[in-house]
Amino acid sequence: MVKSYKELVKTETKEYFLPGNSSCAGCGLELSLRWTLKALGQRTIIVCPASCTNVVVGLYPKTAMGIAGTNMAFAAGCAAAAGIRTGLKARGIDDITVLCWSGDGGAYDIGLQSASGAAERNDDILYICYDNEAYMNTGTQRSGGTPFGAWTTTTPEGKRQHKKDLPGIIRAHNVPYVATASAGYPNDLFEKVTKAKNMKGFRYIHIFAPCPPGWRYDTNLTVEISKDAVKTGMWVLYEVENGEFKLSKESANLVDKSKRASIREYLKKQGRFKRMSEDEIEELQAWIDHNWKKIEKNQK
């Protein structure tokens, strides 16, 4: 049974992602990594492909983590994690979780090849993408995870393509576990990471992690926007365990379209969508509805 957020705050008091780090105010990455490490605990090694995380935790001589870790090149995250796991196995060490923690640029785009290889081999690693929907560390360029209509420095009139279904791509490798999560629901995230920790083979979790400066919203709205994305049906929370698809509690009632919140309210809170026309908003809504039709088939 998933604990409530209030219960987690009382029981999970140990911090592995330390105060005083250099993440921006309201950072979805910071919130997501904090709860991920609470679920994984001390016996964790983190591999960080190039992303905002490298700045937050990897600037010598400072670090913001209480666990072992290494920075890694964009394309080599999963390859490095798989190598670390192989080295641990050779030494007879089986109680350490090897985590590859990647931004969307390193997951959707530059690191997809090594991730696909690790998934195909079913390497015993936990791969997590925190998705802030652009290359934020280098100045907000579009990625394969950037949604249709969103402003970035390389899509000044709004992106013309829809978001790539990366969890679906990983799922096609027939790995033991695929799940989605959101910075707005840390209790759900905590439970999914805990489940993945206790499994073997390649496990993948995809976290919706808003970015205030890149998305152009007030820093106090991160949790609200994270929840709004789920309530509109734009971000769907689910698990696929050994091939079995299951909607998570927060998304389970949204198969009924009438239960979903207006996409317009979600878009209105973010400056990156301010140039979208009514036709473009309707196109984005149609894409969301189409995705839910596919989910209905998965449910049957």
C-alpha atoms as a PDB file:
ATOM      1  CA  MET A   1       0.000   0.000   0.000  1.00  0.00           C
ATOM      2  CA  VAL A   2       1.320   3.424  -0.995  1.00  0.00           C
ATOM      3  CA  LYS A   3       2.021   5.638   2.004  1.00  0.00           C
ATOM      4  CA  SER A   4       0.710   9.189   2.083  1.00  0.00           C
ATOM      5  CA  TYR A   5       3.151  12.065   1.710  1.00  0.00           C
ATOM      6  CA  LYS A   6       2.609  13.014   5.364  1.00  0.00           C
ATOM      7  CA  GLU A   7       3.535   9.475   6.443  1.00  0.00           C
ATOM      8  CA  LEU A   8       6.678   9.487   4.303  1.00  0.00           C
ATOM      9  CA  VAL A   9       7.871  12.803   5.726  1.00  0.00           C
ATOM     10  CA  LYS A  10       7.630  11.346   9.225  1.00  0.00           C
ATOM     11  CA  THR A  11       9.347   8.030   8.465  1.00  0.00           C
ATOM     12  CA  GLU A  12      11.918   8.891   5.767  1.00  0.00           C
ATOM     13  CA  THR A  13      14.048  11.463   7.583  1.00  0.00           C
ATOM     14  CA  LYS A  14      17.494  10.459   6.301  1.00  0.00           C
ATOM     15  CA  GLU A  15      18.766  12.823   3.593  1.00  0.00           C
ATOM     16  CA  TYR A  16      21.144  11.665   0.848  1.00  0.00           C
ATOM     17  CA  PHE A  17      20.698  14.723  -1.375  1.00  0.00           C
ATOM     18  CA  LEU A  18      22.062  17.408   0.879  1.00  0.00           C
ATOM     19  CA  PRO A  19      20.970  21.002   1.620  1.00  0.00           C
ATOM     20  CA  GLY A  20      22.830  23.916   0.089  1.00  0.00           C
ATOM     21  CA  ASN A  21      23.104  22.359  -3.356  1.00  0.00           C
ATOM     22  CA  SER A  22      23.192  24.559  -6.458  1.00  0.00           C
ATOM     23  CA  SER A  23      19.873  23.597  -8.039  1.00  0.00           C
ATOM     24  CA  CYS A  24      17.451  26.409  -8.909  1.00  0.00           C
ATOM     25  CA  ALA A  25      14.593  27.305  -6.592  1.00  0.00           C
ATOM     26  CA  GLY A  26      11.601  25.081  -7.330  1.00  0.00           C
ATOM     27  CA  CYS A  27      13.719  22.574  -9.273  1.00  0.00           C
ATOM     28  CA  GLY A  28      11.833  19.389 -10.213  1.00  0.00           C
ATOM     29  CA  LEU A  29      15.144  17.553 -10.528  1.00  0.00           C
ATOM     30  CA  GLU A  30      16.086  18.365  -6.940  1.00  0.00           C
ATOM     31  CA  LEU A  31      12.752  17.204  -5.541  1.00  0.00           C
ATOM     32  CA  SER A  32      12.772  14.003  -7.613  1.00  0.00           C
ATOM     33  CA  LEU A  33      16.357  13.045  -6.815  1.00  0.00           C
ATOM     34  CA  ARG A  34      15.850  13.703  -3.125  1.00  0.00           C
ATOM     35  CA  TRP A  35      12.987  11.199  -2.896  1.00  0.00           C
ATOM     36  CA  THR A  36      14.656   8.712  -5.231  1.00  0.00           C
ATOM     37  CA  LEU A  37      17.703   8.528  -2.967  1.00  0.00           C
ATOM     38  CA  LYS A  38      15.521   8.241   0.141  1.00  0.00           C
ATOM     39  CA  ALA A  39      13.986   5.138  -1.446  1.00  0.00           C
ATOM     40  CA  LEU A  40      17.324   3.649  -2.546  1.00  0.00           C
ATOM     41  CA  GLY A  41      19.385   4.391   0.564  1.00  0.00           C
ATOM     42  CA  GLN A  42      23.124   4.467   1.230  1.00  0.00           C
ATOM     43  CA  ARG A  43      24.053   1.358  -0.772  1.00  0.00           C
ATOM     44  CA  THR A  44      23.712   3.160  -4.092  1.00  0.00           C
ATOM     45  CA  ILE A  45      26.137   4.253  -6.795  1.00  0.00           C
ATOM     46  CA  ILE A  46      24.872   6.964  -9.140  1.00  0.00           C
ATOM     47  CA  VAL A  47      26.060   7.575 -12.704  1.00  0.00           C
ATOM     48  CA  CYS A  48      25.125  11.024 -14.040  1.00  0.00           C
ATOM     49  CA  PRO A  49      25.329  11.587 -17.814  1.00  0.00           C
ATOM     50  CA  ALA A  50      25.779  15.226 -18.818  1.00  0.00           C
ATOM     51  CA  SER A  51      22.831  17.262 -17.524  1.00  0.00           C
ATOM     52  CA  CYS A  52      21.853  19.775 -14.847  1.00  0.00           C
ATOM     53  CA  THR A  53      22.672  17.075 -12.296  1.00  0.00           C
ATOM     54  CA  ASN A  54      26.389  17.383 -13.060  1.00  0.00           C
ATOM     55  CA  VAL A  55      26.269  21.033 -12.037  1.00  0.00           C
ATOM     56  CA  VAL A  56      24.232  20.313  -8.912  1.00  0.00           C
ATOM     57  CA  VAL A  57      26.358  17.431  -7.603  1.00  0.00           C
ATOM     58  CA  GLY A  58      29.588  17.315  -9.542  1.00  0.00           C
ATOM     59  CA  LEU A  59      31.515  20.575  -9.250  1.00  0.00           C
ATOM     60  CA  TYR A  60      34.817  19.893  -7.472  1.00  0.00           C
ATOM     61  CA  PRO A  61      35.418  20.216  -4.551  1.00  0.00           C
ATOM     62  CA  LYS A  62      31.740  20.335  -3.605  1.00  0.00           C
ATOM     63  CA  THR A  63      29.091  17.647  -3.813  1.00  0.00           C
ATOM     64  CA  ALA A  64      25.443  17.541  -2.791  1.00  0.00           C
ATOM     65  CA  MET A  65      25.086  13.777  -2.339  1.00  0.00           C
ATOM     66  CA  GLY A  66      25.793  11.432   0.512  1.00  0.00           C
ATOM     67  CA  ILE A  67      26.385   8.453  -1.791  1.00  0.00           C
ATOM     68  CA  ALA A  68      29.096   7.402  -4.246  1.00  0.00           C
ATOM     69  CA  GLY A  69      28.772   8.637  -7.810  1.00  0.00           C
ATOM     70  CA  THR A  70      30.434   9.687 -11.029  1.00  0.00           C
ATOM     71  CA  ASN A  71      29.801  12.122 -13.851  1.00  0.00           C
ATOM     72  CA  MET A  72      29.685  10.609 -17.315  1.00  0.00           C
ATOM     73  CA  ALA A  73      29.556  11.655 -20.975  1.00  0.00           C
ATOM     74  CA  PHE A  74      26.118  12.142 -22.533  1.00  0.00           C
ATOM     75  CA  ALA A  75      26.128   8.969 -24.603  1.00  0.00           C
ATOM     76  CA  ALA A  76      27.704   6.597 -22.090  1.00  0.00           C
ATOM     77  CA  GLY A  77      25.429   6.666 -19.027  1.00  0.00           C
ATOM     78  CA  CYS A  78      23.953   3.179 -19.220  1.00  0.00           C
ATOM     79  CA  ALA A  79      27.199   1.708 -20.565  1.00  0.00           C
ATOM     80  CA  ALA A  80      29.074   3.068 -17.543  1.00  0.00           C
ATOM     81  CA  ALA A  81      26.382   1.869 -15.132  1.00  0.00           C
ATOM     82  CA  ALA A  82      26.448  -1.604 -16.685  1.00  0.00           C
ATOM     83  CA  GLY A  83      30.237  -1.658 -16.356  1.00  0.00           C
ATOM     84  CA  ILE A  84      30.051  -0.731 -12.677  1.00  0.00           C
ATOM     85  CA  ARG A  85      27.486  -3.465 -12.088  1.00  0.00           C
ATOM     86  CA  THR A  86      29.754  -6.005 -13.826  1.00  0.00           C
ATOM     87  CA  GLY A  87      32.691  -4.927 -11.665  1.00  0.00           C
ATOM     88  CA  LEU A  88      30.648  -5.281  -8.481  1.00  0.00           C
ATOM     89  CA  LYS A  89      29.467  -8.722  -9.557  1.00  0.00           C
ATOM     90  CA  ALA A  90      33.055  -9.807 -10.175  1.00  0.00           C
ATOM     91  CA  ARG A  91      33.824  -8.845  -6.566  1.00  0.00           C
ATOM     92  CA  GLY A  92      30.794 -10.729  -5.245  1.00  0.00           C
ATOM     93  CA  ILE A  93      28.913  -7.539  -4.263  1.00  0.00           C
ATOM     94  CA  ASP A  94      25.187  -7.820  -4.911  1.00  0.00           C
ATOM     95  CA  ASP A  95      23.586  -5.419  -2.430  1.00  0.00           C
ATOM     96  CA  ILE A  96      24.394  -2.110  -4.156  1.00  0.00           C
ATOM     97  CA  THR A  97      21.915  -0.447  -6.520  1.00  0.00           C
ATOM     98  CA  VAL A  98      23.594   1.002  -9.619  1.00  0.00           C
ATOM     99  CA  LEU A  99      21.539   3.988 -10.742  1.00  0.00           C
ATOM    100  CA  CYS A 100      21.909   5.802 -14.057  1.00  0.00           C
ATOM    101  CA  TRP A 101      20.248   9.199 -13.509  1.00  0.00           C
ATOM    102  CA  SER A 102      19.754  11.021 -16.812  1.00  0.00           C
ATOM    103  CA  GLY A 103      18.046  14.153 -18.067  1.00  0.00           C
ATOM    104  CA  ASP A 104      15.790  13.949 -21.104  1.00  0.00           C
ATOM    105  CA  GLY A 105      18.556  15.056 -23.479  1.00  0.00           C
ATOM    106  CA  GLY A 106      20.735  12.140 -22.404  1.00  0.00           C
ATOM    107  CA  ALA A 107      17.804   9.716 -22.370  1.00  0.00           C
ATOM    108  CA  TYR A 108      15.592  10.603 -25.356  1.00  0.00           C
ATOM    109  CA  ASP A 109      18.409  11.603 -27.665  1.00  0.00           C
ATOM    110  CA  ILE A 110      22.145  11.291 -27.103  1.00  0.00           C
ATOM    111  CA  GLY A 111      22.098   8.346 -24.673  1.00  0.00           C
ATOM    112  CA  LEU A 112      19.352   6.254 -26.285  1.00  0.00           C
ATOM    113  CA  GLN A 113      21.768   3.873 -27.994  1.00  0.00           C
ATOM    114  CA  SER A 114      23.554   2.769 -24.805  1.00  0.00           C
ATOM    115  CA  ALA A 115      20.218   2.580 -22.962  1.00  0.00           C
ATOM    116  CA  SER A 116      18.774   0.337 -25.666  1.00  0.00           C
ATOM    117  CA  GLY A 117      21.838  -1.890 -25.486  1.00  0.00           C
ATOM    118  CA  ALA A 118      21.612  -2.194 -21.699  1.00  0.00           C
ATOM    119  CA  ALA A 119      17.872  -2.894 -21.886  1.00  0.00           C
ATOM    120  CA  GLU A 120      18.328  -5.524 -24.606  1.00  0.00           C
ATOM    121  CA  ARG A 121      20.964  -7.270 -22.459  1.00  0.00           C
ATOM    122  CA  ASN A 122      18.722  -6.883 -19.393  1.00  0.00           C
ATOM    123  CA  ASP A 123      21.660  -5.438 -17.448  1.00  0.00           C
ATOM    124  CA  ASP A 124      20.977  -5.293 -13.717  1.00  0.00           C
ATOM    125  CA  ILE A 125      20.736  -1.494 -13.375  1.00  0.00           C
ATOM    126  CA  LEU A 126      18.082   1.073 -12.514  1.00  0.00           C
ATOM    127  CA  TYR A 127      17.768   3.704 -15.228  1.00  0.00           C
ATOM    128  CA  ILE A 128      15.839   6.878 -14.366  1.00  0.00           C
ATOM    129  CA  CYS A 129      15.089   9.777 -16.679  1.00  0.00           C
ATOM    130  CA  TYR A 130      14.110  13.020 -14.971  1.00  0.00           C
ATOM    131  CA  ASP A 131      12.287  14.797 -17.755  1.00  0.00           C
ATOM    132  CA  ASN A 132      12.312  18.609 -17.750  1.00  0.00           C
ATOM    133  CA  GLU A 133      11.482  18.530 -21.448  1.00  0.00           C
ATOM    134  CA  ALA A 134      14.520  20.360 -22.883  1.00  0.00           C
ATOM    135  CA  TYR A 135      18.294  20.688 -22.614  1.00  0.00           C
ATOM    136  CA  MET A 136      18.129  23.029 -19.614  1.00  0.00           C
ATOM    137  CA  ASN A 137      21.765  22.976 -18.528  1.00  0.00           C
ATOM    138  CA  THR A 138      22.928  24.364 -21.871  1.00  0.00           C
ATOM    139  CA  GLY A 139      20.254  27.030 -22.266  1.00  0.00           C
ATOM    140  CA  THR A 140      16.853  25.428 -23.018  1.00  0.00           C
ATOM    141  CA  GLN A 141      17.236  23.774 -26.411  1.00  0.00           C
ATOM    142  CA  ARG A 142      14.522  21.377 -27.602  1.00  0.00           C
ATOM    143  CA  SER A 143      14.863  17.632 -27.015  1.00  0.00           C
ATOM    144  CA  GLY A 144      12.877  14.595 -28.080  1.00  0.00           C
ATOM    145  CA  GLY A 145      10.970  15.098 -24.837  1.00  0.00           C
ATOM    146  CA  THR A 146       9.893  18.687 -25.548  1.00  0.00           C
ATOM    147  CA  PRO A 147       6.106  18.819 -26.045  1.00  0.00           C
ATOM    148  CA  PHE A 148       4.352  20.194 -29.100  1.00  0.00           C
ATOM    149  CA  GLY A 149       3.974  23.971 -29.027  1.00  0.00           C
ATOM    150  CA  ALA A 150       6.631  24.620 -26.380  1.00  0.00           C
ATOM    151  CA  TRP A 151       9.071  27.497 -26.769  1.00  0.00           C
ATOM    152  CA  THR A 152      12.772  26.726 -26.564  1.00  0.00           C
ATOM    153  CA  THR A 153      15.770  28.647 -27.889  1.00  0.00           C
ATOM    154  CA  THR A 154      15.850  26.317 -30.899  1.00  0.00           C
ATOM    155  CA  THR A 155      12.056  26.356 -31.388  1.00  0.00           C
ATOM    156  CA  PRO A 156      11.282  30.070 -30.920  1.00  0.00           C
ATOM    157  CA  GLU A 157       7.861  29.711 -32.544  1.00  0.00           C
ATOM    158  CA  GLY A 158       7.054  26.519 -30.654  1.00  0.00           C
ATOM    159  CA  LYS A 159       8.081  22.929 -31.324  1.00  0.00           C
ATOM    160  CA  ARG A 160       6.312  21.325 -34.300  1.00  0.00           C
ATOM    161  CA  GLN A 161       6.692  17.684 -33.231  1.00  0.00           C
ATOM    162  CA  HIS A 162       4.995  15.815 -30.401  1.00  0.00           C
ATOM    163  CA  LYS A 163       6.851  14.282 -27.479  1.00  0.00           C
ATOM    164  CA  LYS A 164       8.544  10.940 -28.094  1.00  0.00           C
ATOM    165  CA  ASP A 165       7.156   7.970 -26.142  1.00  0.00           C
ATOM    166  CA  LEU A 166      10.402   6.963 -24.457  1.00  0.00           C
ATOM    167  CA  PRO A 167       8.843   4.698 -21.792  1.00  0.00           C
ATOM    168  CA  GLY A 168       7.092   2.885 -24.646  1.00  0.00           C
ATOM    169  CA  ILE A 169      10.419   2.420 -26.455  1.00  0.00           C
ATOM    170  CA  ILE A 170      12.000   0.945 -23.318  1.00  0.00           C
ATOM    171  CA  ARG A 171       8.939  -1.224 -22.755  1.00  0.00           C
ATOM    172  CA  ALA A 172       9.408  -2.715 -26.246  1.00  0.00           C
ATOM    173  CA  HIS A 173      12.671  -4.256 -24.982  1.00  0.00           C
ATOM    174  CA  ASN A 174      10.620  -6.538 -22.682  1.00  0.00           C
ATOM    175  CA  VAL A 175      12.430  -5.461 -19.525  1.00  0.00           C
ATOM    176  CA  PRO A 176      11.139  -6.450 -16.069  1.00  0.00           C
ATOM    177  CA  TYR A 177       9.900  -3.025 -15.008  1.00  0.00           C
ATOM    178  CA  VAL A 178       8.890   0.291 -16.594  1.00  0.00           C
ATOM    179  CA  ALA A 179       7.108   3.056 -14.668  1.00  0.00           C
ATOM    180  CA  THR A 180       6.296   6.735 -14.883  1.00  0.00           C
ATOM    181  CA  ALA A 181       6.243   9.152 -11.955  1.00  0.00           C
ATOM    182  CA  SER A 182       5.929  12.859 -11.178  1.00  0.00           C
ATOM    183  CA  ALA A 183       7.688  15.307  -8.891  1.00  0.00           C
ATOM    184  CA  GLY A 184       4.212  16.301  -7.701  1.00  0.00           C
ATOM    185  CA  TYR A 185       3.522  12.868  -6.198  1.00  0.00           C
ATOM    186  CA  PRO A 186       6.632  11.922  -4.181  1.00  0.00           C
ATOM    187  CA  ASN A 187       4.802   9.109  -2.375  1.00  0.00           C
ATOM    188  CA  ASP A 188       4.050   7.396  -5.705  1.00  0.00           C
ATOM    189  CA  LEU A 189       7.641   7.992  -6.845  1.00  0.00           C
ATOM    190  CA  PHE A 190       9.039   6.608  -3.580  1.00  0.00           C
ATOM    191  CA  GLU A 191       7.002   3.409  -3.847  1.00  0.00           C
ATOM    192  CA  LYS A 192       7.965   2.808  -7.489  1.00  0.00           C
ATOM    193  CA  VAL A 193      11.663   3.350  -6.809  1.00  0.00           C
ATOM    194  CA  THR A 194      11.442   1.018  -3.796  1.00  0.00           C
ATOM    195  CA  LYS A 195       9.810  -1.647  -5.960  1.00  0.00           C
ATOM    196  CA  ALA A 196      12.476  -1.246  -8.654  1.00  0.00           C
ATOM    197  CA  LYS A 197      15.239  -1.437  -6.049  1.00  0.00           C
ATOM    198  CA  ASN A 198      14.040  -4.880  -4.994  1.00  0.00           C
ATOM    199  CA  MET A 199      13.951  -6.276  -8.537  1.00  0.00           C
ATOM    200  CA  LYS A 200      16.710  -7.609 -10.775  1.00  0.00           C
ATOM    201  CA  GLY A 201      17.449  -6.837 -14.401  1.00  0.00           C
ATOM    202  CA  PHE A 202      16.932  -3.586 -16.290  1.00  0.00           C
ATOM    203  CA  ARG A 203      14.406  -1.320 -14.571  1.00  0.00           C
ATOM    204  CA  TYR A 204      13.283   2.031 -15.968  1.00  0.00           C
ATOM    205  CA  ILE A 205      11.441   4.943 -14.306  1.00  0.00           C
ATOM    206  CA  HIS A 206      10.508   8.153 -16.113  1.00  0.00           C
ATOM    207  CA  ILE A 207       9.886  11.202 -13.894  1.00  0.00           C
ATOM    208  CA  PHE A 208       8.055  14.390 -14.883  1.00  0.00           C
ATOM    209  CA  ALA A 209      10.347  17.107 -13.429  1.00  0.00           C
ATOM    210  CA  PRO A 210       9.358  20.743 -14.177  1.00  0.00           C
ATOM    211  CA  CYS A 211      11.979  23.472 -14.597  1.00  0.00           C
ATOM    212  CA  PRO A 212      10.919  27.003 -13.504  1.00  0.00           C
ATOM    213  CA  PRO A 213      13.452  29.023 -15.562  1.00  0.00           C
ATOM    214  CA  GLY A 214      13.084  26.878 -18.683  1.00  0.00           C
ATOM    215  CA  TRP A 215       9.298  26.631 -18.518  1.00  0.00           C
ATOM    216  CA  ARG A 216       8.805  30.263 -17.471  1.00  0.00           C
ATOM    217  CA  TYR A 217       6.739  29.956 -14.298  1.00  0.00           C
ATOM    218  CA  ASP A 218       6.970  31.092 -10.669  1.00  0.00           C
ATOM    219  CA  THR A 219       9.183  28.827  -8.580  1.00  0.00           C
ATOM    220  CA  ASN A 220       6.437  28.073  -6.049  1.00  0.00           C
ATOM    221  CA  LEU A 221       4.297  26.345  -8.714  1.00  0.00           C
ATOM    222  CA  THR A 222       6.446  23.258  -9.337  1.00  0.00           C
ATOM    223  CA  VAL A 223       4.317  20.788  -7.381  1.00  0.00           C
ATOM    224  CA  GLU A 224       1.079  22.327  -8.681  1.00  0.00           C
ATOM    225  CA  ILE A 225       2.219  22.103 -12.308  1.00  0.00           C
ATOM    226  CA  SER A 226       3.483  18.549 -11.748  1.00  0.00           C
ATOM    227  CA  LYS A 227       0.029  17.562 -10.533  1.00  0.00           C
ATOM    228  CA  ASP A 228      -1.763  19.531 -13.255  1.00  0.00           C
ATOM    229  CA  ALA A 229       0.088  17.585 -15.945  1.00  0.00           C
ATOM    230  CA  VAL A 230      -1.313  14.366 -14.465  1.00  0.00           C
ATOM    231  CA  LYS A 231      -4.829  15.728 -13.923  1.00  0.00           C
ATOM    232  CA  THR A 232      -5.099  16.867 -17.549  1.00  0.00           C
ATOM    233  CA  GLY A 233      -3.965  13.464 -18.769  1.00  0.00           C
ATOM    234  CA  MET A 234      -0.953  14.976 -20.486  1.00  0.00           C
ATOM    235  CA  TRP A 235       1.341  12.967 -18.177  1.00  0.00           C
ATOM    236  CA  VAL A 236       0.097   9.469 -17.349  1.00  0.00           C
ATOM    237  CA  LEU A 237       1.211   7.582 -14.240  1.00  0.00           C
ATOM    238  CA  TYR A 238       1.506   3.834 -14.737  1.00  0.00           C
ATOM    239  CA  GLU A 239       3.612   0.714 -14.233  1.00  0.00           C
ATOM    240  CA  VAL A 240       4.476  -2.175 -16.544  1.00  0.00           C
ATOM    241  CA  GLU A 241       5.681  -5.080 -14.438  1.00  0.00           C
ATOM    242  CA  ASN A 242       6.801  -8.180 -16.378  1.00  0.00           C
ATOM    243  CA  GLY A 243       4.669  -7.040 -19.317  1.00  0.00           C
ATOM    244  CA  GLU A 244       1.524  -6.262 -17.296  1.00  0.00           C
ATOM    245  CA  PHE A 245       0.294  -2.676 -17.710  1.00  0.00           C
ATOM    246  CA  LYS A 246      -1.412  -0.943 -14.779  1.00  0.00           C
ATOM    247  CA  LEU A 247      -2.505   2.670 -14.314  1.00  0.00           C
ATOM    248  CA  SER A 248      -1.438   4.234 -11.026  1.00  0.00           C
ATOM    249  CA  LYS A 249      -4.023   5.581  -8.593  1.00  0.00           C
ATOM    250  CA  GLU A 250      -3.708   9.225  -9.675  1.00  0.00           C
ATOM    251  CA  SER A 251      -4.384   8.381 -13.337  1.00  0.00           C
ATOM    252  CA  ALA A 252      -6.755   5.420 -12.988  1.00  0.00           C
ATOM    253  CA  ASN A 253      -9.976   7.435 -13.161  1.00  0.00           C
ATOM    254  CA  LEU A 254      -8.885   9.518 -16.147  1.00  0.00           C
ATOM    255  CA  VAL A 255      -9.775   6.894 -18.743  1.00  0.00           C
ATOM    256  CA  ASP A 256     -13.106   8.737 -18.619  1.00  0.00           C
ATOM    257  CA  LYS A 257     -12.287  11.901 -20.581  1.00  0.00           C
ATOM    258  CA  SER A 258     -14.797  13.949 -18.569  1.00  0.00           C
ATOM    259  CA  LYS A 259     -12.654  13.450 -15.455  1.00  0.00           C
ATOM    260  CA  ARG A 260      -9.604  15.161 -16.987  1.00  0.00           C
ATOM    261  CA  ALA A 261      -8.859  18.817 -16.212  1.00  0.00           C
ATOM    262  CA  SER A 262      -8.621  21.440 -18.955  1.00  0.00           C
ATOM    263  CA  ILE A 263      -5.319  21.466 -20.824  1.00  0.00           C
ATOM    264  CA  ARG A 264      -5.690  25.236 -21.211  1.00  0.00           C
ATOM    265  CA  GLU A 265      -5.221  25.891 -17.494  1.00  0.00           C
ATOM    266  CA  TYR A 266      -2.043  23.815 -17.492  1.00  0.00           C
ATOM    267  CA  LEU A 267      -0.639  25.673 -20.500  1.00  0.00           C
ATOM    268  CA  LYS A 268      -1.633  29.100 -19.185  1.00  0.00           C
ATOM    269  CA  LYS A 269       0.646  28.814 -16.144  1.00  0.00           C
ATOM    270  CA  GLN A 270       3.791  28.420 -18.288  1.00  0.00           C
ATOM    271  CA  GLY A 271       5.385  31.098 -20.422  1.00  0.00           C
ATOM    272  CA  ARG A 272       6.824  28.512 -22.822  1.00  0.00           C
ATOM    273  CA  PHE A 273       3.335  27.929 -24.245  1.00  0.00           C
ATOM    274  CA  LYS A 274       2.233  31.565 -24.540  1.00  0.00           C
ATOM    275  CA  ARG A 275       2.529  31.649 -28.347  1.00  0.00           C
ATOM    276  CA  MET A 276       0.270  28.668 -28.940  1.00  0.00           C
ATOM    277  CA  SER A 277      -2.773  29.357 -31.100  1.00  0.00           C
ATOM    278  CA  GLU A 278      -6.212  27.847 -30.487  1.00  0.00           C
ATOM    279  CA  ASP A 279      -5.637  25.401 -33.356  1.00  0.00           C
ATOM    280  CA  GLU A 280      -2.353  24.295 -31.790  1.00  0.00           C
ATOM    281  CA  ILE A 281      -3.967  23.826 -28.382  1.00  0.00           C
ATOM    282  CA  GLU A 282      -6.653  21.692 -30.019  1.00  0.00           C
ATOM    283  CA  GLU A 283      -3.960  19.648 -31.774  1.00  0.00           C
ATOM    284  CA  LEU A 284      -2.200  19.026 -28.462  1.00  0.00           C
ATOM    285  CA  GLN A 285      -5.527  18.014 -26.896  1.00  0.00           C
ATOM    286  CA  ALA A 286      -6.181  15.613 -29.761  1.00  0.00           C
ATOM    287  CA  TRP A 287      -2.751  14.038 -29.202  1.00  0.00           C
ATOM    288  CA  ILE A 288      -3.563  13.542 -25.514  1.00  0.00           C
ATOM    289  CA  ASP A 289      -6.929  11.976 -26.357  1.00  0.00           C
ATOM    290  CA  HIS A 290      -5.285   9.654 -28.891  1.00  0.00           C
ATOM    291  CA  ASN A 291      -2.779   8.478 -26.264  1.00  0.00           C
ATOM    292  CA  TRP A 292      -5.621   7.689 -23.891  1.00  0.00           C
ATOM    293  CA  LYS A 293      -7.336   5.570 -26.535  1.00  0.00           C
ATOM    294  CA  LYS A 294      -4.169   3.472 -26.689  1.00  0.00           C
ATOM    295  CA  ILE A 295      -4.209   3.231 -22.886  1.00  0.00           C
ATOM    296  CA  GLU A 296      -7.804   1.977 -22.969  1.00  0.00           C
ATOM    297  CA  LYS A 297      -6.650  -0.873 -25.234  1.00  0.00           C
ATOM    298  CA  ASN A 298      -3.823  -1.671 -22.809  1.00  0.00           C
ATOM    299  CA  GLN A 299      -6.334  -1.868 -19.981  1.00  0.00           C
ATOM    300  CA  LYS A 300      -8.446  -4.494 -21.743  1.00  0.00           C
END
